[in-house]
């Protein structure tokens, strides 16, 4: 059995958002995204894969399709397969998200 303590895995990159693998398989990925203020994941899409963003700490702006919303700790949203999506930290504090995507894109 694999067990991870998420708070021990979190680290931030000064130049860009940090993606931290937690669990990875041929079927899905389960990552932490660590964003300092001003950092972002550019808007993009994945055909055939859904993505879920769950905010563990901080506050982020999320875009899914044409819609945008601010998410805070404990809030989540889903980007359905084929929909453009992205996230950025427009706040003043670091943000940490749990990101799950399945099926894993090729």
PDB file of N, CA and C in Angstrom:
ATOM      1  N   UNK A   1       0.839  -1.175   0.000  1.00  0.00           N
ATOM      2  CA  UNK A   1       0.000   0.000   0.000  1.00  0.00           C
ATOM      3  C   UNK A   1       0.886   1.241   0.000  1.00  0.00           C
ATOM      4  N   UNK A   2       0.549   2.176  -0.876  1.00  0.00           N
ATOM      5  CA  UNK A   2       1.278   3.444  -0.923  1.00  0.00           C
ATOM      6  C   UNK A   2       0.543   4.479  -0.087  1.00  0.00           C
ATOM      7  N   UNK A   3       1.276   5.157   0.773  1.00  0.00           N
ATOM      8  CA  UNK A   3       0.698   6.220   1.600  1.00  0.00           C
ATOM      9  C   UNK A   3       1.573   7.461   1.440  1.00  0.00           C
ATOM     10  N   UNK A   4       0.933   8.594   1.219  1.00  0.00           N
ATOM     11  CA  UNK A   4       1.648   9.861   1.069  1.00  0.00           C
ATOM     12  C   UNK A   4       1.084  10.872   2.075  1.00  0.00           C
ATOM     13  N   UNK A   5       1.948  11.677   2.662  1.00  0.00           N
ATOM     14  CA  UNK A   5       1.539  12.793   3.509  1.00  0.00           C
ATOM     15  C   UNK A   5       1.670  14.037   2.646  1.00  0.00           C
ATOM     16  N   UNK A   6       0.543  14.576   2.193  1.00  0.00           N
ATOM     17  CA  UNK A   6       0.554  15.645   1.197  1.00  0.00           C
ATOM     18  C   UNK A   6       1.328  16.875   1.650  1.00  0.00           C
ATOM     19  N   UNK A   7       1.154  17.280   2.887  1.00  0.00           N
ATOM     20  CA  UNK A   7       1.834  18.498   3.343  1.00  0.00           C
ATOM     21  C   UNK A   7       3.355  18.349   3.314  1.00  0.00           C
ATOM     22  N   UNK A   8       3.860  17.128   3.401  1.00  0.00           N
ATOM     23  CA  UNK A   8       5.309  16.912   3.323  1.00  0.00           C
ATOM     24  C   UNK A   8       5.823  16.999   1.886  1.00  0.00           C
ATOM     25  N   UNK A   9       4.939  16.882   0.917  1.00  0.00           N
ATOM     26  CA  UNK A   9       5.342  16.906  -0.487  1.00  0.00           C
ATOM     27  C   UNK A   9       5.355  18.304  -1.090  1.00  0.00           C
ATOM     28  N   UNK A  10       4.626  19.231  -0.471  1.00  0.00           N
ATOM     29  CA  UNK A  10       4.461  20.565  -1.052  1.00  0.00           C
ATOM     30  C   UNK A  10       5.791  21.312  -1.102  1.00  0.00           C
ATOM     31  N   UNK A  11       6.078  21.833  -2.286  1.00  0.00           N
ATOM     32  CA  UNK A  11       7.221  22.744  -2.471  1.00  0.00           C
ATOM     33  C   UNK A  11       6.859  23.703  -3.586  1.00  0.00           C
ATOM     34  N   UNK A  12       7.394  24.906  -3.510  1.00  0.00           N
ATOM     35  CA  UNK A  12       7.082  25.946  -4.474  1.00  0.00           C
ATOM     36  C   UNK A  12       8.304  26.240  -5.336  1.00  0.00           C
ATOM     37  N   UNK A  13       8.062  26.576  -6.588  1.00  0.00           N
ATOM     38  CA  UNK A  13       9.124  26.993  -7.501  1.00  0.00           C
ATOM     39  C   UNK A  13       9.043  28.492  -7.693  1.00  0.00           C
ATOM     40  N   UNK A  14      10.148  29.165  -7.644  1.00  0.00           N
ATOM     41  CA  UNK A  14      10.146  30.628  -7.775  1.00  0.00           C
ATOM     42  C   UNK A  14       9.798  31.083  -9.191  1.00  0.00           C
ATOM     43  N   UNK A  15      10.170  30.288 -10.189  1.00  0.00           N
ATOM     44  CA  UNK A  15       9.973  30.712 -11.575  1.00  0.00           C
ATOM     45  C   UNK A  15       8.608  30.365 -12.134  1.00  0.00           C
ATOM     46  N   UNK A  16       8.041  29.209 -11.734  1.00  0.00           N
ATOM     47  CA  UNK A  16       6.742  28.813 -12.278  1.00  0.00           C
ATOM     48  C   UNK A  16       6.036  27.860 -11.315  1.00  0.00           C
ATOM     49  N   UNK A  17       4.761  27.637 -11.594  1.00  0.00           N
ATOM     50  CA  UNK A  17       3.960  26.708 -10.811  1.00  0.00           C
ATOM     51  C   UNK A  17       4.664  25.364 -10.743  1.00  0.00           C
ATOM     52  N   UNK A  18       4.587  24.716  -9.596  1.00  0.00           N
ATOM     53  CA  UNK A  18       5.231  23.416  -9.401  1.00  0.00           C
ATOM     54  C   UNK A  18       4.168  22.319  -9.420  1.00  0.00           C
ATOM     55  N   UNK A  19       4.367  21.308 -10.274  1.00  0.00           N
ATOM     56  CA  UNK A  19       3.523  20.117 -10.293  1.00  0.00           C
ATOM     57  C   UNK A  19       4.254  19.026  -9.528  1.00  0.00           C
ATOM     58  N   UNK A  20       3.593  18.464  -8.519  1.00  0.00           N
ATOM     59  CA  UNK A  20       4.212  17.477  -7.643  1.00  0.00           C
ATOM     60  C   UNK A  20       3.415  16.171  -7.742  1.00  0.00           C
ATOM     61  N   UNK A  21       3.981  15.132  -8.346  1.00  0.00           N
ATOM     62  CA  UNK A  21       3.256  13.864  -8.435  1.00  0.00           C
ATOM     63  C   UNK A  21       3.034  13.251  -7.050  1.00  0.00           C
ATOM     64  N   UNK A  22       1.816  12.788  -6.806  1.00  0.00           N
ATOM     65  CA  UNK A  22       1.484  12.083  -5.570  1.00  0.00           C
ATOM     66  C   UNK A  22       1.315  10.598  -5.902  1.00  0.00           C
ATOM     67  N   UNK A  23       0.402  10.306  -6.816  1.00  0.00           N
ATOM     68  CA  UNK A  23       0.210   8.961  -7.340  1.00  0.00           C
ATOM     69  C   UNK A  23       0.103   9.062  -8.852  1.00  0.00           C
ATOM     70  N   UNK A  24       0.613   8.068  -9.537  1.00  0.00           N
ATOM     71  CA  UNK A  24       0.631   8.082 -10.993  1.00  0.00           C
ATOM     72  C   UNK A  24       0.431   6.653 -11.482  1.00  0.00           C
ATOM     73  N   UNK A  25      -0.420   6.495 -12.462  1.00  0.00           N
ATOM     74  CA  UNK A  25      -0.619   5.181 -13.054  1.00  0.00           C
ATOM     75  C   UNK A  25      -0.952   5.362 -14.525  1.00  0.00           C
ATOM     76  N   UNK A  26      -0.993   4.292 -15.287  1.00  0.00           N
ATOM     77  CA  UNK A  26      -1.386   4.418 -16.691  1.00  0.00           C
ATOM     78  C   UNK A  26      -2.833   4.884 -16.856  1.00  0.00           C
ATOM     79  N   UNK A  27      -3.636   4.867 -15.771  1.00  0.00           N
ATOM     80  CA  UNK A  27      -5.054   5.177 -15.857  1.00  0.00           C
ATOM     81  C   UNK A  27      -5.423   6.578 -15.378  1.00  0.00           C
ATOM     82  N   UNK A  28      -4.593   7.183 -14.537  1.00  0.00           N
ATOM     83  CA  UNK A  28      -4.901   8.494 -13.969  1.00  0.00           C
ATOM     84  C   UNK A  28      -3.658   9.104 -13.357  1.00  0.00           C
ATOM     85  N   UNK A  29      -3.740  10.429 -13.065  1.00  0.00           N
ATOM     86  CA  UNK A  29      -2.703  11.011 -12.216  1.00  0.00           C
ATOM     87  C   UNK A  29      -3.358  11.809 -11.103  1.00  0.00           C
ATOM     88  N   UNK A  30      -2.601  11.955 -10.015  1.00  0.00           N
ATOM     89  CA  UNK A  30      -3.052  12.579  -8.784  1.00  0.00           C
ATOM     90  C   UNK A  30      -1.872  13.442  -8.347  1.00  0.00           C
ATOM     91  N   UNK A  31      -1.961  14.745  -8.597  1.00  0.00           N
ATOM     92  CA  UNK A  31      -0.845  15.665  -8.381  1.00  0.00           C
ATOM     93  C   UNK A  31      -1.219  16.776  -7.414  1.00  0.00           C
ATOM     94  N   UNK A  32      -0.193  17.399  -6.847  1.00  0.00           N
ATOM     95  CA  UNK A  32      -0.347  18.673  -6.170  1.00  0.00           C
ATOM     96  C   UNK A  32       0.166  19.752  -7.107  1.00  0.00           C
ATOM     97  N   UNK A  33      -0.544  20.860  -7.185  1.00  0.00           N
ATOM     98  CA  UNK A  33      -0.058  22.042  -7.888  1.00  0.00           C
ATOM     99  C   UNK A  33       0.215  23.082  -6.813  1.00  0.00           C
ATOM    100  N   UNK A  34       1.412  23.624  -6.789  1.00  0.00           N
ATOM    101  CA  UNK A  34       1.800  24.643  -5.818  1.00  0.00           C
ATOM    102  C   UNK A  34       2.077  25.934  -6.567  1.00  0.00           C
ATOM    103  N   UNK A  35       1.290  26.969  -6.272  1.00  0.00           N
ATOM    104  CA  UNK A  35       1.383  28.232  -6.996  1.00  0.00           C
ATOM    105  C   UNK A  35       1.668  29.379  -6.038  1.00  0.00           C
ATOM    106  N   UNK A  36       2.729  30.090  -6.304  1.00  0.00           N
ATOM    107  CA  UNK A  36       2.988  31.326  -5.585  1.00  0.00           C
ATOM    108  C   UNK A  36       2.121  32.416  -6.222  1.00  0.00           C
ATOM    109  N   UNK A  37       1.908  33.545  -5.527  1.00  0.00           N
ATOM    110  CA  UNK A  37       1.112  34.622  -6.116  1.00  0.00           C
ATOM    111  C   UNK A  37       1.632  34.989  -7.515  1.00  0.00           C
ATOM    112  N   UNK A  38       0.699  35.101  -8.457  1.00  0.00           N
ATOM    113  CA  UNK A  38       1.036  35.457  -9.829  1.00  0.00           C
ATOM    114  C   UNK A  38       1.320  34.276 -10.744  1.00  0.00           C
ATOM    115  N   UNK A  39       1.530  33.101 -10.198  1.00  0.00           N
ATOM    116  CA  UNK A  39       1.825  31.927 -11.037  1.00  0.00           C
ATOM    117  C   UNK A  39       0.532  31.330 -11.581  1.00  0.00           C
ATOM    118  N   UNK A  40       0.679  30.626 -12.733  1.00  0.00           N
ATOM    119  CA  UNK A  40      -0.507  30.092 -13.385  1.00  0.00           C
ATOM    120  C   UNK A  40      -0.211  28.829 -14.168  1.00  0.00           C
ATOM    121  N   UNK A  41      -1.291  28.128 -14.480  1.00  0.00           N
ATOM    122  CA  UNK A  41      -1.273  27.051 -15.457  1.00  0.00           C
ATOM    123  C   UNK A  41      -2.041  27.624 -16.656  1.00  0.00           C
ATOM    124  N   UNK A  42      -1.385  27.684 -17.806  1.00  0.00           N
ATOM    125  CA  UNK A  42      -2.022  28.264 -18.980  1.00  0.00           C
ATOM    126  C   UNK A  42      -3.270  27.484 -19.372  1.00  0.00           C
ATOM    127  N   UNK A  43      -4.209  28.187 -19.975  1.00  0.00           N
ATOM    128  CA  UNK A  43      -5.447  27.574 -20.434  1.00  0.00           C
ATOM    129  C   UNK A  43      -5.132  26.576 -21.552  1.00  0.00           C
ATOM    130  N   UNK A  44      -5.688  25.381 -21.421  1.00  0.00           N
ATOM    131  CA  UNK A  44      -5.439  24.303 -22.385  1.00  0.00           C
ATOM    132  C   UNK A  44      -6.594  23.311 -22.282  1.00  0.00           C
ATOM    133  N   UNK A  45      -6.593  22.264 -23.092  1.00  0.00           N
ATOM    134  CA  UNK A  45      -7.658  21.258 -23.058  1.00  0.00           C
ATOM    135  C   UNK A  45      -7.060  19.871 -23.234  1.00  0.00           C
ATOM    136  N   UNK A  46      -7.794  18.870 -22.766  1.00  0.00           N
ATOM    137  CA  UNK A  46      -7.415  17.466 -22.927  1.00  0.00           C
ATOM    138  C   UNK A  46      -8.608  16.724 -23.512  1.00  0.00           C
ATOM    139  N   UNK A  47      -8.475  16.237 -24.719  1.00  0.00           N
ATOM    140  CA  UNK A  47      -9.537  15.426 -25.308  1.00  0.00           C
ATOM    141  C   UNK A  47      -9.565  14.077 -24.597  1.00  0.00           C
ATOM    142  N   UNK A  48     -10.725  13.665 -24.139  1.00  0.00           N
ATOM    143  CA  UNK A  48     -10.863  12.337 -23.569  1.00  0.00           C
ATOM    144  C   UNK A  48     -10.489  12.192 -22.108  1.00  0.00           C
ATOM    145  N   UNK A  49     -10.150  13.293 -21.407  1.00  0.00           N
ATOM    146  CA  UNK A  49      -9.776  13.205 -19.988  1.00  0.00           C
ATOM    147  C   UNK A  49     -10.449  14.316 -19.199  1.00  0.00           C
ATOM    148  N   UNK A  50     -11.060  13.967 -18.069  1.00  0.00           N
ATOM    149  CA  UNK A  50     -11.604  14.949 -17.133  1.00  0.00           C
ATOM    150  C   UNK A  50     -10.522  15.323 -16.124  1.00  0.00           C
ATOM    151  N   UNK A  51     -10.580  16.567 -15.638  1.00  0.00           N
ATOM    152  CA  UNK A  51      -9.649  17.025 -14.606  1.00  0.00           C
ATOM    153  C   UNK A  51     -10.454  17.656 -13.481  1.00  0.00           C
ATOM    154  N   UNK A  52     -10.057  17.364 -12.238  1.00  0.00           N
ATOM    155  CA  UNK A  52     -10.682  17.972 -11.064  1.00  0.00           C
ATOM    156  C   UNK A  52      -9.620  18.766 -10.314  1.00  0.00           C
ATOM    157  N   UNK A  53      -9.955  20.016  -9.974  1.00  0.00           N
ATOM    158  CA  UNK A  53      -9.122  20.874  -9.140  1.00  0.00           C
ATOM    159  C   UNK A  53      -9.788  20.989  -7.768  1.00  0.00           C
ATOM    160  N   UNK A  54      -9.062  20.674  -6.693  1.00  0.00           N
ATOM    161  CA  UNK A  54      -9.535  20.846  -5.324  1.00  0.00           C
ATOM    162  C   UNK A  54      -8.536  21.738  -4.594  1.00  0.00           C
ATOM    163  N   UNK A  55      -8.995  22.849  -4.058  1.00  0.00           N
ATOM    164  CA  UNK A  55      -8.110  23.782  -3.359  1.00  0.00           C
ATOM    165  C   UNK A  55      -7.877  23.287  -1.938  1.00  0.00           C
ATOM    166  N   UNK A  56      -6.609  23.021  -1.623  1.00  0.00           N
ATOM    167  CA  UNK A  56      -6.224  22.597  -0.271  1.00  0.00           C
ATOM    168  C   UNK A  56      -5.813  23.778   0.595  1.00  0.00           C
ATOM    169  N   UNK A  57      -5.255  24.822  -0.034  1.00  0.00           N
ATOM    170  CA  UNK A  57      -4.816  26.012   0.702  1.00  0.00           C
ATOM    171  C   UNK A  57      -4.813  27.199  -0.246  1.00  0.00           C
ATOM    172  N   UNK A  58      -5.186  28.350   0.275  1.00  0.00           N
ATOM    173  CA  UNK A  58      -5.146  29.565  -0.518  1.00  0.00           C
ATOM    174  C   UNK A  58      -6.413  29.787  -1.327  1.00  0.00           C
ATOM    175  N   UNK A  59      -6.242  30.565  -2.397  1.00  0.00           N
ATOM    176  CA  UNK A  59      -7.354  30.978  -3.247  1.00  0.00           C
ATOM    177  C   UNK A  59      -6.831  31.087  -4.674  1.00  0.00           C
ATOM    178  N   UNK A  60      -7.588  30.565  -5.615  1.00  0.00           N
ATOM    179  CA  UNK A  60      -7.178  30.612  -7.023  1.00  0.00           C
ATOM    180  C   UNK A  60      -8.353  31.013  -7.903  1.00  0.00           C
ATOM    181  N   UNK A  61      -8.024  31.524  -9.081  1.00  0.00           N
ATOM    182  CA  UNK A  61      -9.014  31.746 -10.138  1.00  0.00           C
ATOM    183  C   UNK A  61      -8.910  30.550 -11.068  1.00  0.00           C
ATOM    184  N   UNK A  62     -10.066  30.007 -11.436  1.00  0.00           N
ATOM    185  CA  UNK A  62     -10.113  28.859 -12.333  1.00  0.00           C
ATOM    186  C   UNK A  62     -10.984  29.219 -13.524  1.00  0.00           C
ATOM    187  N   UNK A  63     -10.532  28.806 -14.703  1.00  0.00           N
ATOM    188  CA  UNK A  63     -11.346  28.935 -15.903  1.00  0.00           C
ATOM    189  C   UNK A  63     -11.665  27.541 -16.413  1.00  0.00           C
ATOM    190  N   UNK A  64     -12.945  27.304 -16.707  1.00  0.00           N
ATOM    191  CA  UNK A  64     -13.395  26.075 -17.349  1.00  0.00           C
ATOM    192  C   UNK A  64     -14.341  26.522 -18.466  1.00  0.00           C
ATOM    193  N   UNK A  65     -13.965  26.245 -19.706  1.00  0.00           N
ATOM    194  CA  UNK A  65     -14.728  26.769 -20.832  1.00  0.00           C
ATOM    195  C   UNK A  65     -14.635  28.283 -20.816  1.00  0.00           C
ATOM    196  N   UNK A  66     -15.754  28.948 -20.941  1.00  0.00           N
ATOM    197  CA  UNK A  66     -15.787  30.416 -20.897  1.00  0.00           C
ATOM    198  C   UNK A  66     -15.999  30.953 -19.485  1.00  0.00           C
ATOM    199  N   UNK A  67     -16.334  30.078 -18.543  1.00  0.00           N
ATOM    200  CA  UNK A  67     -16.641  30.499 -17.173  1.00  0.00           C
ATOM    201  C   UNK A  67     -15.380  30.628 -16.328  1.00  0.00           C
ATOM    202  N   UNK A  68     -15.387  31.614 -15.427  1.00  0.00           N
ATOM    203  CA  UNK A  68     -14.302  31.797 -14.466  1.00  0.00           C
ATOM    204  C   UNK A  68     -14.906  31.929 -13.066  1.00  0.00           C
ATOM    205  N   UNK A  69     -14.177  31.437 -12.072  1.00  0.00           N
ATOM    206  CA  UNK A  69     -14.628  31.546 -10.684  1.00  0.00           C
ATOM    207  C   UNK A  69     -13.420  31.563  -9.765  1.00  0.00           C
ATOM    208  N   UNK A  70     -13.610  32.137  -8.598  1.00  0.00           N
ATOM    209  CA  UNK A  70     -12.602  32.090  -7.544  1.00  0.00           C
ATOM    210  C   UNK A  70     -12.950  30.931  -6.627  1.00  0.00           C
ATOM    211  N   UNK A  71     -11.974  30.054  -6.386  1.00  0.00           N
ATOM    212  CA  UNK A  71     -12.148  28.926  -5.475  1.00  0.00           C
ATOM    213  C   UNK A  71     -11.265  29.129  -4.263  1.00  0.00           C
ATOM    214  N   UNK A  72     -11.785  28.754  -3.090  1.00  0.00           N
ATOM    215  CA  UNK A  72     -11.029  28.846  -1.855  1.00  0.00           C
ATOM    216  C   UNK A  72     -10.914  27.456  -1.242  1.00  0.00           C
ATOM    217  N   UNK A  73     -10.197  27.369  -0.143  1.00  0.00           N
ATOM    218  CA  UNK A  73      -9.942  26.091   0.515  1.00  0.00           C
ATOM    219  C   UNK A  73     -11.218  25.262   0.668  1.00  0.00           C
ATOM    220  N   UNK A  74     -11.122  24.012   0.201  1.00  0.00           N
ATOM    221  CA  UNK A  74     -12.243  23.087   0.312  1.00  0.00           C
ATOM    222  C   UNK A  74     -13.177  23.089  -0.882  1.00  0.00           C
ATOM    223  N   UNK A  75     -12.986  24.005  -1.824  1.00  0.00           N
ATOM    224  CA  UNK A  75     -13.841  24.047  -3.007  1.00  0.00           C
ATOM    225  C   UNK A  75     -13.159  23.334  -4.167  1.00  0.00           C
ATOM    226  N   UNK A  76     -13.989  22.726  -5.025  1.00  0.00           N
ATOM    227  CA  UNK A  76     -13.474  21.972  -6.163  1.00  0.00           C
ATOM    228  C   UNK A  76     -14.307  22.270  -7.403  1.00  0.00           C
ATOM    229  N   UNK A  77     -13.706  22.039  -8.559  1.00  0.00           N
ATOM    230  CA  UNK A  77     -14.421  22.129  -9.823  1.00  0.00           C
ATOM    231  C   UNK A  77     -13.876  21.083 -10.774  1.00  0.00           C
ATOM    232  N   UNK A  78     -14.690  20.752 -11.778  1.00  0.00           N
ATOM    233  CA  UNK A  78     -14.295  19.748 -12.776  1.00  0.00           C
ATOM    234  C   UNK A  78     -14.236  20.402 -14.146  1.00  0.00           C
ATOM    235  N   UNK A  79     -13.174  20.077 -14.878  1.00  0.00           N
ATOM    236  CA  UNK A  79     -13.047  20.469 -16.282  1.00  0.00           C
ATOM    237  C   UNK A  79     -13.336  19.218 -17.114  1.00  0.00           C
ATOM    238  N   UNK A  80     -14.498  19.157 -17.758  1.00  0.00           N
ATOM    239  CA  UNK A  80     -14.826  17.976 -18.558  1.00  0.00           C
ATOM    240  C   UNK A  80     -13.870  17.812 -19.741  1.00  0.00           C
ATOM    241  N   UNK A  81     -13.740  16.607 -20.207  1.00  0.00           N
ATOM    242  CA  UNK A  81     -12.885  16.313 -21.363  1.00  0.00           C
ATOM    243  C   UNK A  81     -13.221  17.257 -22.512  1.00  0.00           C
ATOM    244  N   UNK A  82     -12.185  17.810 -23.127  1.00  0.00           N
ATOM    245  CA  UNK A  82     -12.344  18.678 -24.279  1.00  0.00           C
ATOM    246  C   UNK A  82     -12.560  20.142 -23.955  1.00  0.00           C
ATOM    247  N   UNK A  83     -12.911  20.481 -22.705  1.00  0.00           N
ATOM    248  CA  UNK A  83     -13.127  21.882 -22.315  1.00  0.00           C
ATOM    249  C   UNK A  83     -11.786  22.541 -21.990  1.00  0.00           C
ATOM    250  N   UNK A  84     -11.607  23.779 -22.456  1.00  0.00           N
ATOM    251  CA  UNK A  84     -10.397  24.508 -22.069  1.00  0.00           C
ATOM    252  C   UNK A  84     -10.474  24.792 -20.581  1.00  0.00           C
ATOM    253  N   UNK A  85      -9.325  24.797 -19.918  1.00  0.00           N
ATOM    254  CA  UNK A  85      -9.266  25.047 -18.483  1.00  0.00           C
ATOM    255  C   UNK A  85      -7.882  25.554 -18.106  1.00  0.00           C
ATOM    256  N   UNK A  86      -7.819  26.238 -16.999  1.00  0.00           N
ATOM    257  CA  UNK A  86      -6.552  26.737 -16.471  1.00  0.00           C
ATOM    258  C   UNK A  86      -6.782  27.308 -15.086  1.00  0.00           C
ATOM    259  N   UNK A  87      -5.704  27.579 -14.388  1.00  0.00           N
ATOM    260  CA  UNK A  87      -5.795  28.075 -13.014  1.00  0.00           C
ATOM    261  C   UNK A  87      -4.672  29.070 -12.771  1.00  0.00           C
ATOM    262  N   UNK A  88      -4.933  30.091 -11.956  1.00  0.00           N
ATOM    263  CA  UNK A  88      -3.885  31.031 -11.585  1.00  0.00           C
ATOM    264  C   UNK A  88      -4.128  31.566 -10.184  1.00  0.00           C
ATOM    265  N   UNK A  89      -3.022  31.904  -9.553  1.00  0.00           N
ATOM    266  CA  UNK A  89      -3.071  32.442  -8.203  1.00  0.00           C
ATOM    267  C   UNK A  89      -3.047  33.961  -8.308  1.00  0.00           C
ATOM    268  N   UNK A  90      -4.227  34.561  -8.212  1.00  0.00           N
ATOM    269  CA  UNK A  90      -4.342  36.019  -8.274  1.00  0.00           C
ATOM    270  C   UNK A  90      -4.310  36.631  -6.875  1.00  0.00           C
ATOM    271  N   UNK A  91      -4.169  35.787  -5.859  1.00  0.00           N
ATOM    272  CA  UNK A  91      -4.163  36.269  -4.478  1.00  0.00           C
ATOM    273  C   UNK A  91      -2.783  36.679  -4.007  1.00  0.00           C
ATOM    274  N   UNK A  92      -2.681  36.926  -2.724  1.00  0.00           N
ATOM    275  CA  UNK A  92      -1.428  37.372  -2.118  1.00  0.00           C
ATOM    276  C   UNK A  92      -0.728  36.277  -1.338  1.00  0.00           C
ATOM    277  N   UNK A  93      -1.362  35.103  -1.213  1.00  0.00           N
ATOM    278  CA  UNK A  93      -0.801  33.987  -0.457  1.00  0.00           C
ATOM    279  C   UNK A  93      -0.528  32.812  -1.397  1.00  0.00           C
ATOM    280  N   UNK A  94       0.412  31.933  -1.047  1.00  0.00           N
ATOM    281  CA  UNK A  94       0.612  30.715  -1.836  1.00  0.00           C
ATOM    282  C   UNK A  94      -0.670  29.881  -1.862  1.00  0.00           C
ATOM    283  N   UNK A  95      -0.828  29.099  -2.919  1.00  0.00           N
ATOM    284  CA  UNK A  95      -1.998  28.228  -3.060  1.00  0.00           C
ATOM    285  C   UNK A  95      -1.534  26.816  -3.383  1.00  0.00           C
ATOM    286  N   UNK A  96      -2.274  25.837  -2.873  1.00  0.00           N
ATOM    287  CA  UNK A  96      -1.982  24.429  -3.146  1.00  0.00           C
ATOM    288  C   UNK A  96      -3.280  23.758  -3.585  1.00  0.00           C
ATOM    289  N   UNK A  97      -3.209  23.034  -4.710  1.00  0.00           N
ATOM    290  CA  UNK A  97      -4.368  22.315  -5.230  1.00  0.00           C
ATOM    291  C   UNK A  97      -4.045  20.843  -5.358  1.00  0.00           C
ATOM    292  N   UNK A  98      -5.064  20.026  -5.157  1.00  0.00           N
ATOM    293  CA  UNK A  98      -4.988  18.609  -5.478  1.00  0.00           C
ATOM    294  C   UNK A  98      -5.650  18.474  -6.844  1.00  0.00           C
ATOM    295  N   UNK A  99      -4.951  17.868  -7.790  1.00  0.00           N
ATOM    296  CA  UNK A  99      -5.446  17.768  -9.157  1.00  0.00           C
ATOM    297  C   UNK A  99      -5.460  16.300  -9.568  1.00  0.00           C
ATOM    298  N   UNK A 100      -6.634  15.850 -10.011  1.00  0.00           N
ATOM    299  CA  UNK A 100      -6.807  14.466 -10.450  1.00  0.00           C
ATOM    300  C   UNK A 100      -7.276  14.497 -11.895  1.00  0.00           C
ATOM    301  N   UNK A 101      -6.673  13.643 -12.733  1.00  0.00           N
ATOM    302  CA  UNK A 101      -7.084  13.561 -14.122  1.00  0.00           C
ATOM    303  C   UNK A 101      -7.192  12.117 -14.537  1.00  0.00           C
ATOM    304  N   UNK A 102      -8.340  11.790 -15.186  1.00  0.00           N
ATOM    305  CA  UNK A 102      -8.549  10.428 -15.656  1.00  0.00           C
ATOM    306  C   UNK A 102      -9.469  10.466 -16.879  1.00  0.00           C
ATOM    307  N   UNK A 103      -9.275   9.577 -17.817  1.00  0.00           N
ATOM    308  CA  UNK A 103      -8.086   8.737 -17.886  1.00  0.00           C
ATOM    309  C   UNK A 103      -6.850   9.581 -18.162  1.00  0.00           C
ATOM    310  N   UNK A 104      -5.705   9.035 -17.820  1.00  0.00           N
ATOM    311  CA  UNK A 104      -4.439   9.738 -18.024  1.00  0.00           C
ATOM    312  C   UNK A 104      -4.268  10.056 -19.501  1.00  0.00           C
ATOM    313  N   UNK A 105      -3.956  11.323 -19.836  1.00  0.00           N
ATOM    314  CA  UNK A 105      -3.752  11.657 -21.251  1.00  0.00           C
ATOM    315  C   UNK A 105      -2.506  10.985 -21.807  1.00  0.00           C
ATOM    316  N   UNK A 106      -2.533  10.701 -23.076  1.00  0.00           N
ATOM    317  CA  UNK A 106      -1.366  10.030 -23.690  1.00  0.00           C
ATOM    318  C   UNK A 106      -0.346  11.040 -24.170  1.00  0.00           C
TER     319      UNK A 106
END
